[in-house]
Amino acid sequence: MAGNYGGSSIPTTPIAGGTLNTGKATTYATYMCTSVLSIGTSATFTYKGVAIPMAVIGTRLDLIIEPRLLDSAHAEAIFLCYDCSCDSTMSGTTAPSSVTYSGAQMYAPTIIGGEGLNS
């Protein structure tokens, strides 16, 4: 799973499981996570009451995780997260204006035709 999920989700921030669990109500309260990566044989975490072991180094689990619902996490479980507070600058092109996103005209769709013709 990769890509822009909203907010300032590019780039994704790697956060150790213990750090994420400790800061889930403060520092990471507005974050969302898209994947978990095992960097050791003790990489386990409990999410919504379900224990998820990741004993093989390099294992990756793609799962949308809300840190506030994380029950516990080992430091060897690295969560790939992003700030979803929507208070920071968005990435990518969304409208002709880089300052406002509402009220701006959207770009006309481009249809790529055969033989290199664009309309």
PDB file of N, CA and C in Angstrom:
ATOM      1  N   MET A   1       0.842  -1.168   0.000  1.00  0.00           N
ATOM      2  CA  MET A   1       0.000   0.000   0.000  1.00  0.00           C
ATOM      3  C   MET A   1       0.891   1.236   0.000  1.00  0.00           C
ATOM      4  N   ALA A   2       0.690   2.097  -0.907  1.00  0.00           N
ATOM      5  CA  ALA A   2       1.466   3.327  -0.935  1.00  0.00           C
ATOM      6  C   ALA A   2       0.598   4.405  -1.551  1.00  0.00           C
ATOM      7  N   GLY A   3       1.049   5.637  -1.414  1.00  0.00           N
ATOM      8  CA  GLY A   3       0.323   6.713  -2.052  1.00  0.00           C
ATOM      9  C   GLY A   3      -0.181   7.744  -1.078  1.00  0.00           C
ATOM     10  N   ASN A   4      -0.934   8.676  -1.600  1.00  0.00           N
ATOM     11  CA  ASN A   4      -1.431   9.786  -0.800  1.00  0.00           C
ATOM     12  C   ASN A   4      -2.825   9.449  -0.294  1.00  0.00           C
ATOM     13  N   TYR A   5      -2.952   9.343   1.028  1.00  0.00           N
ATOM     14  CA  TYR A   5      -4.230   9.003   1.641  1.00  0.00           C
ATOM     15  C   TYR A   5      -4.936  10.220   2.207  1.00  0.00           C
ATOM     16  N   GLY A   6      -4.429  11.408   1.942  1.00  0.00           N
ATOM     17  CA  GLY A   6      -5.028  12.618   2.485  1.00  0.00           C
ATOM     18  C   GLY A   6      -4.091  13.290   3.460  1.00  0.00           C
ATOM     19  N   GLY A   7      -4.412  14.492   3.858  1.00  0.00           N
ATOM     20  CA  GLY A   7      -3.518  15.222   4.766  1.00  0.00           C
ATOM     21  C   GLY A   7      -2.164  15.390   4.129  1.00  0.00           C
ATOM     22  N   SER A   8      -1.128  15.368   4.920  1.00  0.00           N
ATOM     23  CA  SER A   8       0.227  15.477   4.378  1.00  0.00           C
ATOM     24  C   SER A   8       0.874  14.112   4.408  1.00  0.00           C
ATOM     25  N   SER A   9       0.279  13.147   3.712  1.00  0.00           N
ATOM     26  CA  SER A   9       0.703  11.761   3.802  1.00  0.00           C
ATOM     27  C   SER A   9       1.953  11.415   3.016  1.00  0.00           C
ATOM     28  N   ILE A  10       2.548  12.367   2.355  1.00  0.00           N
ATOM     29  CA  ILE A  10       3.804  12.118   1.658  1.00  0.00           C
ATOM     30  C   ILE A  10       4.853  13.027   2.280  1.00  0.00           C
ATOM     31  N   PRO A  11       5.931  12.556   2.848  1.00  0.00           N
ATOM     32  CA  PRO A  11       6.305  11.150   2.915  1.00  0.00           C
ATOM     33  C   PRO A  11       5.707  10.464   4.136  1.00  0.00           C
ATOM     34  N   THR A  12       5.724   9.142   4.106  1.00  0.00           N
ATOM     35  CA  THR A  12       5.265   8.340   5.232  1.00  0.00           C
ATOM     36  C   THR A  12       6.342   8.355   6.302  1.00  0.00           C
ATOM     37  N   THR A  13       5.950   8.465   7.560  1.00  0.00           N
ATOM     38  CA  THR A  13       6.885   8.536   8.671  1.00  0.00           C
ATOM     39  C   THR A  13       6.989   7.183   9.366  1.00  0.00           C
ATOM     40  N   PRO A  14       8.204   6.600   9.453  1.00  0.00           N
ATOM     41  CA  PRO A  14       8.360   5.350  10.200  1.00  0.00           C
ATOM     42  C   PRO A  14       8.405   5.643  11.704  1.00  0.00           C
ATOM     43  N   ILE A  15       7.609   4.917  12.487  1.00  0.00           N
ATOM     44  CA  ILE A  15       7.542   5.138  13.936  1.00  0.00           C
ATOM     45  C   ILE A  15       7.622   3.775  14.624  1.00  0.00           C
ATOM     46  N   ALA A  16       8.554   3.635  15.569  1.00  0.00           N
ATOM     47  CA  ALA A  16       8.699   2.389  16.323  1.00  0.00           C
ATOM     48  C   ALA A  16       7.422   2.133  17.121  1.00  0.00           C
ATOM     49  N   GLY A  17       7.045   0.860  17.256  1.00  0.00           N
ATOM     50  CA  GLY A  17       5.804   0.485  17.913  1.00  0.00           C
ATOM     51  C   GLY A  17       5.648   1.028  19.319  1.00  0.00           C
ATOM     52  N   GLY A  18       6.694   0.914  20.129  1.00  0.00           N
ATOM     53  CA  GLY A  18       6.627   1.423  21.499  1.00  0.00           C
ATOM     54  C   GLY A  18       6.414   2.921  21.546  1.00  0.00           C
ATOM     55  N   THR A  19       7.083   3.630  20.662  1.00  0.00           N
ATOM     56  CA  THR A  19       6.951   5.088  20.584  1.00  0.00           C
ATOM     57  C   THR A  19       5.544   5.478  20.164  1.00  0.00           C
ATOM     58  N   LEU A  20       5.003   4.773  19.170  1.00  0.00           N
ATOM     59  CA  LEU A  20       3.653   5.057  18.690  1.00  0.00           C
ATOM     60  C   LEU A  20       2.625   4.781  19.787  1.00  0.00           C
ATOM     61  N   ASN A  21       2.790   3.670  20.483  1.00  0.00           N
ATOM     62  CA  ASN A  21       1.843   3.312  21.539  1.00  0.00           C
ATOM     63  C   ASN A  21       1.880   4.326  22.685  1.00  0.00           C
ATOM     64  N   THR A  22       3.079   4.789  23.040  1.00  0.00           N
ATOM     65  CA  THR A  22       3.215   5.775  24.120  1.00  0.00           C
ATOM     66  C   THR A  22       2.585   7.109  23.743  1.00  0.00           C
ATOM     67  N   GLY A  23       2.737   7.527  22.482  1.00  0.00           N
ATOM     68  CA  GLY A  23       2.239   8.835  22.059  1.00  0.00           C
ATOM     69  C   GLY A  23       0.912   8.807  21.338  1.00  0.00           C
ATOM     70  N   LYS A  24       0.169   7.697  21.412  1.00  0.00           N
ATOM     71  CA  LYS A  24      -1.069   7.569  20.640  1.00  0.00           C
ATOM     72  C   LYS A  24      -2.148   8.573  21.037  1.00  0.00           C
ATOM     73  N   ALA A  25      -2.106   9.065  22.264  1.00  0.00           N
ATOM     74  CA  ALA A  25      -3.116  10.036  22.714  1.00  0.00           C
ATOM     75  C   ALA A  25      -2.610  11.476  22.635  1.00  0.00           C
ATOM     76  N   THR A  26      -1.337  11.649  22.314  1.00  0.00           N
ATOM     77  CA  THR A  26      -0.761  13.004  22.283  1.00  0.00           C
ATOM     78  C   THR A  26      -0.098  13.280  20.938  1.00  0.00           C
ATOM     79  N   THR A  27       1.168  12.958  20.818  1.00  0.00           N
ATOM     80  CA  THR A  27       1.951  13.262  19.613  1.00  0.00           C
ATOM     81  C   THR A  27       1.339  12.685  18.347  1.00  0.00           C
ATOM     82  N   TYR A  28       0.856  11.453  18.415  1.00  0.00           N
ATOM     83  CA  TYR A  28       0.349  10.766  17.219  1.00  0.00           C
ATOM     84  C   TYR A  28      -1.172  10.648  17.196  1.00  0.00           C
ATOM     85  N   ALA A  29      -1.855  11.500  17.930  1.00  0.00           N
ATOM     86  CA  ALA A  29      -3.324  11.446  18.010  1.00  0.00           C
ATOM     87  C   ALA A  29      -3.996  11.681  16.659  1.00  0.00           C
ATOM     88  N   THR A  30      -3.378  12.453  15.781  1.00  0.00           N
ATOM     89  CA  THR A  30      -3.972  12.759  14.475  1.00  0.00           C
ATOM     90  C   THR A  30      -3.373  11.934  13.347  1.00  0.00           C
ATOM     91  N   TYR A  31      -2.552  10.947  13.677  1.00  0.00           N
ATOM     92  CA  TYR A  31      -1.881  10.141  12.656  1.00  0.00           C
ATOM     93  C   TYR A  31      -2.728   8.948  12.233  1.00  0.00           C
ATOM     94  N   MET A  32      -2.464   8.453  11.026  1.00  0.00           N
ATOM     95  CA  MET A  32      -2.994   7.194  10.514  1.00  0.00           C
ATOM     96  C   MET A  32      -1.790   6.407  10.020  1.00  0.00           C
ATOM     97  N   CYS A  33      -1.850   5.092  10.150  1.00  0.00           N
ATOM     98  CA  CYS A  33      -0.762   4.239   9.689  1.00  0.00           C
ATOM     99  C   CYS A  33      -1.289   3.312   8.595  1.00  0.00           C
ATOM    100  N   THR A  34      -0.434   3.016   7.626  1.00  0.00           N
ATOM    101  CA  THR A  34      -0.854   2.207   6.483  1.00  0.00           C
ATOM    102  C   THR A  34      -0.174   0.854   6.426  1.00  0.00           C
ATOM    103  N   SER A  35       0.933   0.676   7.142  1.00  0.00           N
ATOM    104  CA  SER A  35       1.672  -0.585   7.105  1.00  0.00           C
ATOM    105  C   SER A  35       2.454  -0.766   8.393  1.00  0.00           C
ATOM    106  N   VAL A  36       2.812  -2.033   8.655  1.00  0.00           N
ATOM    107  CA  VAL A  36       3.686  -2.372   9.772  1.00  0.00           C
ATOM    108  C   VAL A  36       4.800  -3.241   9.202  1.00  0.00           C
ATOM    109  N   LEU A  37       6.038  -2.957   9.590  1.00  0.00           N
ATOM    110  CA  LEU A  37       7.204  -3.684   9.100  1.00  0.00           C
ATOM    111  C   LEU A  37       7.941  -4.298  10.280  1.00  0.00           C
ATOM    112  N   SER A  38       8.294  -5.575  10.172  1.00  0.00           N
ATOM    113  CA  SER A  38       9.026  -6.267  11.224  1.00  0.00           C
ATOM    114  C   SER A  38      10.525  -6.079  11.007  1.00  0.00           C
ATOM    115  N   ILE A  39      11.219  -5.557  12.032  1.00  0.00           N
ATOM    116  CA  ILE A  39      12.674  -5.416  11.937  1.00  0.00           C
ATOM    117  C   ILE A  39      13.374  -6.323  12.954  1.00  0.00           C
ATOM    118  N   GLY A  40      12.622  -7.213  13.581  1.00  0.00           N
ATOM    119  CA  GLY A  40      13.184  -8.159  14.542  1.00  0.00           C
ATOM    120  C   GLY A  40      12.211  -9.296  14.781  1.00  0.00           C
ATOM    121  N   THR A  41      12.659 -10.327  15.504  1.00  0.00           N
ATOM    122  CA  THR A  41      11.837 -11.508  15.729  1.00  0.00           C
ATOM    123  C   THR A  41      10.804 -11.311  16.837  1.00  0.00           C
ATOM    124  N   SER A  42      10.824 -10.158  17.507  1.00  0.00           N
ATOM    125  CA  SER A  42       9.850  -9.871  18.571  1.00  0.00           C
ATOM    126  C   SER A  42       8.824  -8.829  18.146  1.00  0.00           C
ATOM    127  N   ALA A  43       8.702  -8.596  16.858  1.00  0.00           N
ATOM    128  CA  ALA A  43       7.805  -7.559  16.340  1.00  0.00           C
ATOM    129  C   ALA A  43       6.358  -8.007  16.444  1.00  0.00           C
ATOM    130  N   THR A  44       5.737  -7.734  17.573  1.00  0.00           N
ATOM    131  CA  THR A  44       4.330  -8.051  17.757  1.00  0.00           C
ATOM    132  C   THR A  44       3.585  -6.785  18.149  1.00  0.00           C
ATOM    133  N   PHE A  45       2.291  -6.775  17.883  1.00  0.00           N
ATOM    134  CA  PHE A  45       1.463  -5.669  18.346  1.00  0.00           C
ATOM    135  C   PHE A  45       0.044  -6.169  18.536  1.00  0.00           C
ATOM    136  N   THR A  46      -0.704  -5.462  19.347  1.00  0.00           N
ATOM    137  CA  THR A  46      -2.106  -5.802  19.586  1.00  0.00           C
ATOM    138  C   THR A  46      -2.944  -4.616  19.155  1.00  0.00           C
ATOM    139  N   TYR A  47      -3.891  -4.874  18.253  1.00  0.00           N
ATOM    140  CA  TYR A  47      -4.736  -3.823  17.692  1.00  0.00           C
ATOM    141  C   TYR A  47      -6.190  -4.231  17.853  1.00  0.00           C
ATOM    142  N   LYS A  48      -6.968  -3.400  18.502  1.00  0.00           N
ATOM    143  CA  LYS A  48      -8.391  -3.671  18.754  1.00  0.00           C
ATOM    144  C   LYS A  48      -8.580  -5.024  19.439  1.00  0.00           C
ATOM    145  N   GLY A  49      -7.658  -5.359  20.333  1.00  0.00           N
ATOM    146  CA  GLY A  49      -7.758  -6.597  21.089  1.00  0.00           C
ATOM    147  C   GLY A  49      -7.239  -7.839  20.391  1.00  0.00           C
ATOM    148  N   VAL A  50      -6.731  -7.713  19.172  1.00  0.00           N
ATOM    149  CA  VAL A  50      -6.223  -8.857  18.418  1.00  0.00           C
ATOM    150  C   VAL A  50      -4.696  -8.800  18.402  1.00  0.00           C
ATOM    151  N   ALA A  51      -4.047  -9.839  18.932  1.00  0.00           N
ATOM    152  CA  ALA A  51      -2.584  -9.915  18.935  1.00  0.00           C
ATOM    153  C   ALA A  51      -2.093 -10.351  17.562  1.00  0.00           C
ATOM    154  N   ILE A  52      -1.149  -9.604  17.008  1.00  0.00           N
ATOM    155  CA  ILE A  52      -0.623  -9.898  15.671  1.00  0.00           C
ATOM    156  C   ILE A  52       0.889 -10.091  15.786  1.00  0.00           C
ATOM    157  N   PRO A  53       1.363 -11.353  15.708  1.00  0.00           N
ATOM    158  CA  PRO A  53       2.799 -11.612  15.762  1.00  0.00           C
ATOM    159  C   PRO A  53       3.417 -11.471  14.369  1.00  0.00           C
ATOM    160  N   MET A  54       4.607 -10.896  14.318  1.00  0.00           N
ATOM    161  CA  MET A  54       5.341 -10.757  13.056  1.00  0.00           C
ATOM    162  C   MET A  54       6.777 -11.203  13.333  1.00  0.00           C
ATOM    163  N   ALA A  55       6.973 -12.518  13.490  1.00  0.00           N
ATOM    164  CA  ALA A  55       8.242 -13.067  13.951  1.00  0.00           C
ATOM    165  C   ALA A  55       9.331 -13.151  12.883  1.00  0.00           C
ATOM    166  N   VAL A  56       8.981 -12.975  11.621  1.00  0.00           N
ATOM    167  CA  VAL A  56       9.970 -13.066  10.547  1.00  0.00           C
ATOM    168  C   VAL A  56      10.429 -11.659  10.165  1.00  0.00           C
ATOM    169  N   ILE A  57      11.730 -11.424  10.263  1.00  0.00           N
ATOM    170  CA  ILE A  57      12.289 -10.107   9.926  1.00  0.00           C
ATOM    171  C   ILE A  57      11.997  -9.785   8.463  1.00  0.00           C
ATOM    172  N   GLY A  58      11.518  -8.589   8.207  1.00  0.00           N
ATOM    173  CA  GLY A  58      11.200  -8.153   6.853  1.00  0.00           C
ATOM    174  C   GLY A  58       9.744  -8.342   6.479  1.00  0.00           C
ATOM    175  N   THR A  59       8.961  -8.938   7.367  1.00  0.00           N
ATOM    176  CA  THR A  59       7.537  -9.112   7.095  1.00  0.00           C
ATOM    177  C   THR A  59       6.858  -7.754   7.069  1.00  0.00           C
ATOM    178  N   ARG A  60       5.976  -7.555   6.095  1.00  0.00           N
ATOM    179  CA  ARG A  60       5.225  -6.301   5.999  1.00  0.00           C
ATOM    180  C   ARG A  60       3.739  -6.628   5.976  1.00  0.00           C
ATOM    181  N   LEU A  61       2.993  -5.906   6.780  1.00  0.00           N
ATOM    182  CA  LEU A  61       1.546  -6.071   6.846  1.00  0.00           C
ATOM    183  C   LEU A  61       0.903  -4.749   6.446  1.00  0.00           C
ATOM    184  N   ASP A  62       0.105  -4.761   5.391  1.00  0.00           N
ATOM    185  CA  ASP A  62      -0.616  -3.569   4.958  1.00  0.00           C
ATOM    186  C   ASP A  62      -1.969  -3.554   5.639  1.00  0.00           C
ATOM    187  N   LEU A  63      -2.185  -2.549   6.478  1.00  0.00           N
ATOM    188  CA  LEU A  63      -3.402  -2.460   7.270  1.00  0.00           C
ATOM    189  C   LEU A  63      -3.577  -1.010   7.710  1.00  0.00           C
ATOM    190  N   ILE A  64      -4.754  -0.456   7.538  1.00  0.00           N
ATOM    191  CA  ILE A  64      -5.020   0.900   8.011  1.00  0.00           C
ATOM    192  C   ILE A  64      -5.191   0.832   9.529  1.00  0.00           C
ATOM    193  N   ILE A  65      -4.326   1.545  10.249  1.00  0.00           N
ATOM    194  CA  ILE A  65      -4.306   1.487  11.707  1.00  0.00           C
ATOM    195  C   ILE A  65      -4.475   2.885  12.283  1.00  0.00           C
ATOM    196  N   GLU A  66      -5.417   3.017  13.197  1.00  0.00           N
ATOM    197  CA  GLU A  66      -5.575   4.247  13.961  1.00  0.00           C
ATOM    198  C   GLU A  66      -4.795   4.062  15.260  1.00  0.00           C
ATOM    199  N   PRO A  67      -3.742   4.844  15.485  1.00  0.00           N
ATOM    200  CA  PRO A  67      -2.918   4.669  16.681  1.00  0.00           C
ATOM    201  C   PRO A  67      -3.717   4.662  17.986  1.00  0.00           C
ATOM    202  N   ARG A  68      -4.805   5.405  18.081  1.00  0.00           N
ATOM    203  CA  ARG A  68      -5.585   5.456  19.320  1.00  0.00           C
ATOM    204  C   ARG A  68      -6.201   4.105  19.671  1.00  0.00           C
ATOM    205  N   LEU A  69      -6.329   3.204  18.685  1.00  0.00           N
ATOM    206  CA  LEU A  69      -6.899   1.882  18.916  1.00  0.00           C
ATOM    207  C   LEU A  69      -5.832   0.803  19.114  1.00  0.00           C
ATOM    208  N   LEU A  70      -4.572   1.220  19.158  1.00  0.00           N
ATOM    209  CA  LEU A  70      -3.461   0.305  19.394  1.00  0.00           C
ATOM    210  C   LEU A  70      -3.397  -0.015  20.885  1.00  0.00           C
ATOM    211  N   ASP A  71      -3.407  -1.311  21.221  1.00  0.00           N
ATOM    212  CA  ASP A  71      -3.361  -1.729  22.621  1.00  0.00           C
ATOM    213  C   ASP A  71      -1.928  -1.845  23.125  1.00  0.00           C
ATOM    214  N   SER A  72      -1.037  -2.417  22.321  1.00  0.00           N
ATOM    215  CA  SER A  72       0.374  -2.545  22.673  1.00  0.00           C
ATOM    216  C   SER A  72       1.172  -2.759  21.404  1.00  0.00           C
ATOM    217  N   ALA A  73       2.465  -2.468  21.470  1.00  0.00           N
ATOM    218  CA  ALA A  73       3.331  -2.669  20.303  1.00  0.00           C
ATOM    219  C   ALA A  73       4.776  -2.749  20.749  1.00  0.00           C
ATOM    220  N   HIS A  74       5.519  -3.668  20.143  1.00  0.00           N
ATOM    221  CA  HIS A  74       6.936  -3.839  20.428  1.00  0.00           C
ATOM    222  C   HIS A  74       7.732  -2.883  19.550  1.00  0.00           C
ATOM    223  N   ALA A  75       8.909  -2.495  20.048  1.00  0.00           N
ATOM    224  CA  ALA A  75       9.766  -1.550  19.314  1.00  0.00           C
ATOM    225  C   ALA A  75      10.238  -2.106  17.971  1.00  0.00           C
ATOM    226  N   GLU A  76      10.246  -3.438  17.815  1.00  0.00           N
ATOM    227  CA  GLU A  76      10.699  -4.035  16.557  1.00  0.00           C
ATOM    228  C   GLU A  76       9.600  -4.051  15.488  1.00  0.00           C
ATOM    229  N   ALA A  77       8.423  -3.563  15.832  1.00  0.00           N
ATOM    230  CA  ALA A  77       7.345  -3.377  14.850  1.00  0.00           C
ATOM    231  C   ALA A  77       7.374  -1.907  14.449  1.00  0.00           C
ATOM    232  N   ILE A  78       7.725  -1.640  13.218  1.00  0.00           N
ATOM    233  CA  ILE A  78       7.812  -0.264  12.719  1.00  0.00           C
ATOM    234  C   ILE A  78       6.538   0.051  11.943  1.00  0.00           C
ATOM    235  N   PHE A  79       5.850   1.087  12.378  1.00  0.00           N
ATOM    236  CA  PHE A  79       4.601   1.503  11.744  1.00  0.00           C
ATOM    237  C   PHE A  79       4.902   2.624  10.754  1.00  0.00           C
ATOM    238  N   LEU A  80       4.337   2.533   9.561  1.00  0.00           N
ATOM    239  CA  LEU A  80       4.493   3.568   8.540  1.00  0.00           C
ATOM    240  C   LEU A  80       3.246   4.436   8.589  1.00  0.00           C
ATOM    241  N   CYS A  81       3.415   5.675   9.042  1.00  0.00           N
ATOM    242  CA  CYS A  81       2.276   6.536   9.351  1.00  0.00           C
ATOM    243  C   CYS A  81       2.406   7.904   8.698  1.00  0.00           C
ATOM    244  N   TYR A  82       1.337   8.666   8.785  1.00  0.00           N
ATOM    245  CA  TYR A  82       1.337  10.048   8.305  1.00  0.00           C
ATOM    246  C   TYR A  82       0.396  10.874   9.167  1.00  0.00           C
ATOM    247  N   ASP A  83       0.648  12.166   9.196  1.00  0.00           N
ATOM    248  CA  ASP A  83      -0.187  13.099   9.951  1.00  0.00           C
ATOM    249  C   ASP A  83      -1.447  13.375   9.150  1.00  0.00           C
ATOM    250  N   CYS A  84      -2.586  13.121   9.755  1.00  0.00           N
ATOM    251  CA  CYS A  84      -3.867  13.302   9.076  1.00  0.00           C
ATOM    252  C   CYS A  84      -4.680  14.421   9.729  1.00  0.00           C
ATOM    253  N   SER A  85      -3.997  15.397  10.306  1.00  0.00           N
ATOM    254  CA  SER A  85      -4.700  16.476  10.993  1.00  0.00           C
ATOM    255  C   SER A  85      -5.310  17.479  10.031  1.00  0.00           C
ATOM    256  N   CYS A  86      -4.848  17.464   8.792  1.00  0.00           N
ATOM    257  CA  CYS A  86      -5.301  18.400   7.753  1.00  0.00           C
ATOM    258  C   CYS A  86      -4.973  19.854   8.104  1.00  0.00           C
ATOM    259  N   ASP A  87      -4.043  20.055   9.031  1.00  0.00           N
ATOM    260  CA  ASP A  87      -3.600  21.396   9.370  1.00  0.00           C
ATOM    261  C   ASP A  87      -2.301  21.758   8.662  1.00  0.00           C
ATOM    262  N   SER A  88      -1.735  20.825   7.924  1.00  0.00           N
ATOM    263  CA  SER A  88      -0.475  21.081   7.247  1.00  0.00           C
ATOM    264  C   SER A  88      -0.700  21.176   5.745  1.00  0.00           C
ATOM    265  N   THR A  89       0.295  21.637   5.041  1.00  0.00           N
ATOM    266  CA  THR A  89       0.195  21.849   3.605  1.00  0.00           C
ATOM    267  C   THR A  89      -0.028  20.534   2.877  1.00  0.00           C
ATOM    268  N   MET A  90      -0.959  20.534   1.942  1.00  0.00           N
ATOM    269  CA  MET A  90      -1.211  19.335   1.146  1.00  0.00           C
ATOM    270  C   MET A  90      -0.153  19.211   0.076  1.00  0.00           C
ATOM    271  N   SER A  91       0.119  17.982  -0.329  1.00  0.00           N
ATOM    272  CA  SER A  91       1.070  17.757  -1.408  1.00  0.00           C
ATOM    273  C   SER A  91       0.298  17.482  -2.697  1.00  0.00           C
ATOM    274  N   GLY A  92       0.944  17.707  -3.820  1.00  0.00           N
ATOM    275  CA  GLY A  92       0.308  17.432  -5.104  1.00  0.00           C
ATOM    276  C   GLY A  92      -0.448  18.632  -5.638  1.00  0.00           C
ATOM    277  N   THR A  93      -0.949  18.534  -6.861  1.00  0.00           N
ATOM    278  CA  THR A  93      -1.707  19.594  -7.504  1.00  0.00           C
ATOM    279  C   THR A  93      -3.187  19.289  -7.356  1.00  0.00           C
ATOM    280  N   THR A  94      -3.914  20.184  -6.718  1.00  0.00           N
ATOM    281  CA  THR A  94      -5.345  19.958  -6.539  1.00  0.00           C
ATOM    282  C   THR A  94      -6.190  21.021  -7.224  1.00  0.00           C
ATOM    283  N   ALA A  95      -5.632  22.180  -7.452  1.00  0.00           N
ATOM    284  CA  ALA A  95      -6.374  23.263  -8.086  1.00  0.00           C
ATOM    285  C   ALA A  95      -5.378  24.279  -8.629  1.00  0.00           C
ATOM    286  N   PRO A  96      -5.817  25.183  -9.508  1.00  0.00           N
ATOM    287  CA  PRO A  96      -4.899  26.191 -10.051  1.00  0.00           C
ATOM    288  C   PRO A  96      -4.276  27.082  -8.975  1.00  0.00           C
ATOM    289  N   SER A  97      -4.933  27.247  -7.847  1.00  0.00           N
ATOM    290  CA  SER A  97      -4.407  28.106  -6.795  1.00  0.00           C
ATOM    291  C   SER A  97      -3.659  27.275  -5.767  1.00  0.00           C
ATOM    292  N   SER A  98      -2.449  27.681  -5.408  1.00  0.00           N
ATOM    293  CA  SER A  98      -1.689  26.950  -4.397  1.00  0.00           C
ATOM    294  C   SER A  98      -2.041  27.435  -2.991  1.00  0.00           C
ATOM    295  N   VAL A  99      -2.905  28.441  -2.897  1.00  0.00           N
ATOM    296  CA  VAL A  99      -3.270  29.000  -1.600  1.00  0.00           C
ATOM    297  C   VAL A  99      -4.629  28.502  -1.142  1.00  0.00           C
ATOM    298  N   THR A 100      -5.616  28.539  -2.030  1.00  0.00           N
ATOM    299  CA  THR A 100      -6.963  28.098  -1.647  1.00  0.00           C
ATOM    300  C   THR A 100      -7.354  26.869  -2.449  1.00  0.00           C
ATOM    301  N   TYR A 101      -8.120  25.997  -1.842  1.00  0.00           N
ATOM    302  CA  TYR A 101      -8.572  24.788  -2.513  1.00  0.00           C
ATOM    303  C   TYR A 101     -10.057  24.848  -2.841  1.00  0.00           C
ATOM    304  N   SER A 102     -10.784  25.776  -2.244  1.00  0.00           N
ATOM    305  CA  SER A 102     -12.207  25.875  -2.535  1.00  0.00           C
ATOM    306  C   SER A 102     -12.453  27.056  -3.462  1.00  0.00           C
ATOM    307  N   GLY A 103     -13.419  26.924  -4.302  1.00  0.00           N
ATOM    308  CA  GLY A 103     -13.800  28.014  -5.194  1.00  0.00           C
ATOM    309  C   GLY A 103     -12.932  28.142  -6.426  1.00  0.00           C
ATOM    310  N   ALA A 104     -11.884  27.344  -6.525  1.00  0.00           N
ATOM    311  CA  ALA A 104     -11.003  27.433  -7.688  1.00  0.00           C
ATOM    312  C   ALA A 104     -11.523  26.506  -8.789  1.00  0.00           C
ATOM    313  N   GLN A 105     -11.366  26.923 -10.027  1.00  0.00           N
ATOM    314  CA  GLN A 105     -11.784  26.080 -11.133  1.00  0.00           C
ATOM    315  C   GLN A 105     -10.866  24.872 -11.240  1.00  0.00           C
ATOM    316  N   MET A 106     -11.438  23.764 -11.552  1.00  0.00           N
ATOM    317  CA  MET A 106     -10.637  22.551 -11.729  1.00  0.00           C
ATOM    318  C   MET A 106     -10.113  22.508 -13.153  1.00  0.00           C
ATOM    319  N   TYR A 107      -9.026  21.780 -13.354  1.00  0.00           N
ATOM    320  CA  TYR A 107      -8.478  21.629 -14.696  1.00  0.00           C
ATOM    321  C   TYR A 107      -9.420  20.767 -15.536  1.00  0.00           C
ATOM    322  N   ALA A 108      -9.510  21.096 -16.827  1.00  0.00           N
ATOM    323  CA  ALA A 108     -10.338  20.310 -17.739  1.00  0.00           C
ATOM    324  C   ALA A 108      -9.690  18.938 -17.933  1.00  0.00           C
ATOM    325  N   PRO A 109     -10.485  17.875 -18.060  1.00  0.00           N
ATOM    326  CA  PRO A 109      -9.903  16.549 -18.259  1.00  0.00           C
ATOM    327  C   PRO A 109      -9.153  16.465 -19.577  1.00  0.00           C
ATOM    328  N   THR A 110      -8.099  15.699 -19.600  1.00  0.00           N
ATOM    329  CA  THR A 110      -7.314  15.482 -20.806  1.00  0.00           C
ATOM    330  C   THR A 110      -7.509  14.053 -21.265  1.00  0.00           C
ATOM    331  N   ILE A 111      -7.885  13.875 -22.505  1.00  0.00           N
ATOM    332  CA  ILE A 111      -8.070  12.537 -23.058  1.00  0.00           C
ATOM    333  C   ILE A 111      -6.929  12.279 -23.998  1.00  0.00           C
ATOM    334  N   ILE A 112      -6.187  11.218 -23.739  1.00  0.00           N
ATOM    335  CA  ILE A 112      -5.058  10.877 -24.589  1.00  0.00           C
ATOM    336  C   ILE A 112      -5.587  10.022 -25.724  1.00  0.00           C
ATOM    337  N   GLY A 113      -5.452  10.530 -26.948  1.00  0.00           N
ATOM    338  CA  GLY A 113      -5.964   9.818 -28.118  1.00  0.00           C
ATOM    339  C   GLY A 113      -4.872   9.018 -28.814  1.00  0.00           C
ATOM    340  N   GLY A 114      -5.251   8.329 -29.860  1.00  0.00           N
ATOM    341  CA  GLY A 114      -4.300   7.527 -30.638  1.00  0.00           C
ATOM    342  C   GLY A 114      -3.345   8.414 -31.418  1.00  0.00           C
ATOM    343  N   GLU A 115      -2.217   7.889 -31.806  1.00  0.00           N
ATOM    344  CA  GLU A 115      -1.208   8.551 -32.621  1.00  0.00           C
ATOM    345  C   GLU A 115      -0.699   9.849 -31.954  1.00  0.00           C
ATOM    346  N   GLY A 116      -0.694   9.890 -30.624  1.00  0.00           N
ATOM    347  CA  GLY A 116      -0.131  11.044 -29.922  1.00  0.00           C
ATOM    348  C   GLY A 116      -1.013  12.249 -29.891  1.00  0.00           C
ATOM    349  N   LEU A 117      -2.274  12.138 -30.276  1.00  0.00           N
ATOM    350  CA  LEU A 117      -3.177  13.284 -30.267  1.00  0.00           C
ATOM    351  C   LEU A 117      -3.759  13.484 -28.865  1.00  0.00           C
ATOM    352  N   ASN A 118      -3.710  14.670 -28.366  1.00  0.00           N
ATOM    353  CA  ASN A 118      -4.303  14.978 -27.081  1.00  0.00           C
ATOM    354  C   ASN A 118      -5.459  15.948 -27.316  1.00  0.00           C
ATOM    355  N   SER A 119      -6.569  15.723 -26.675  1.00  0.00           N
ATOM    356  CA  SER A 119      -7.710  16.630 -26.849  1.00  0.00           C
ATOM    357  C   SER A 119      -8.205  17.105 -25.518  1.00  0.00           C
TER     358      SER A 119
END
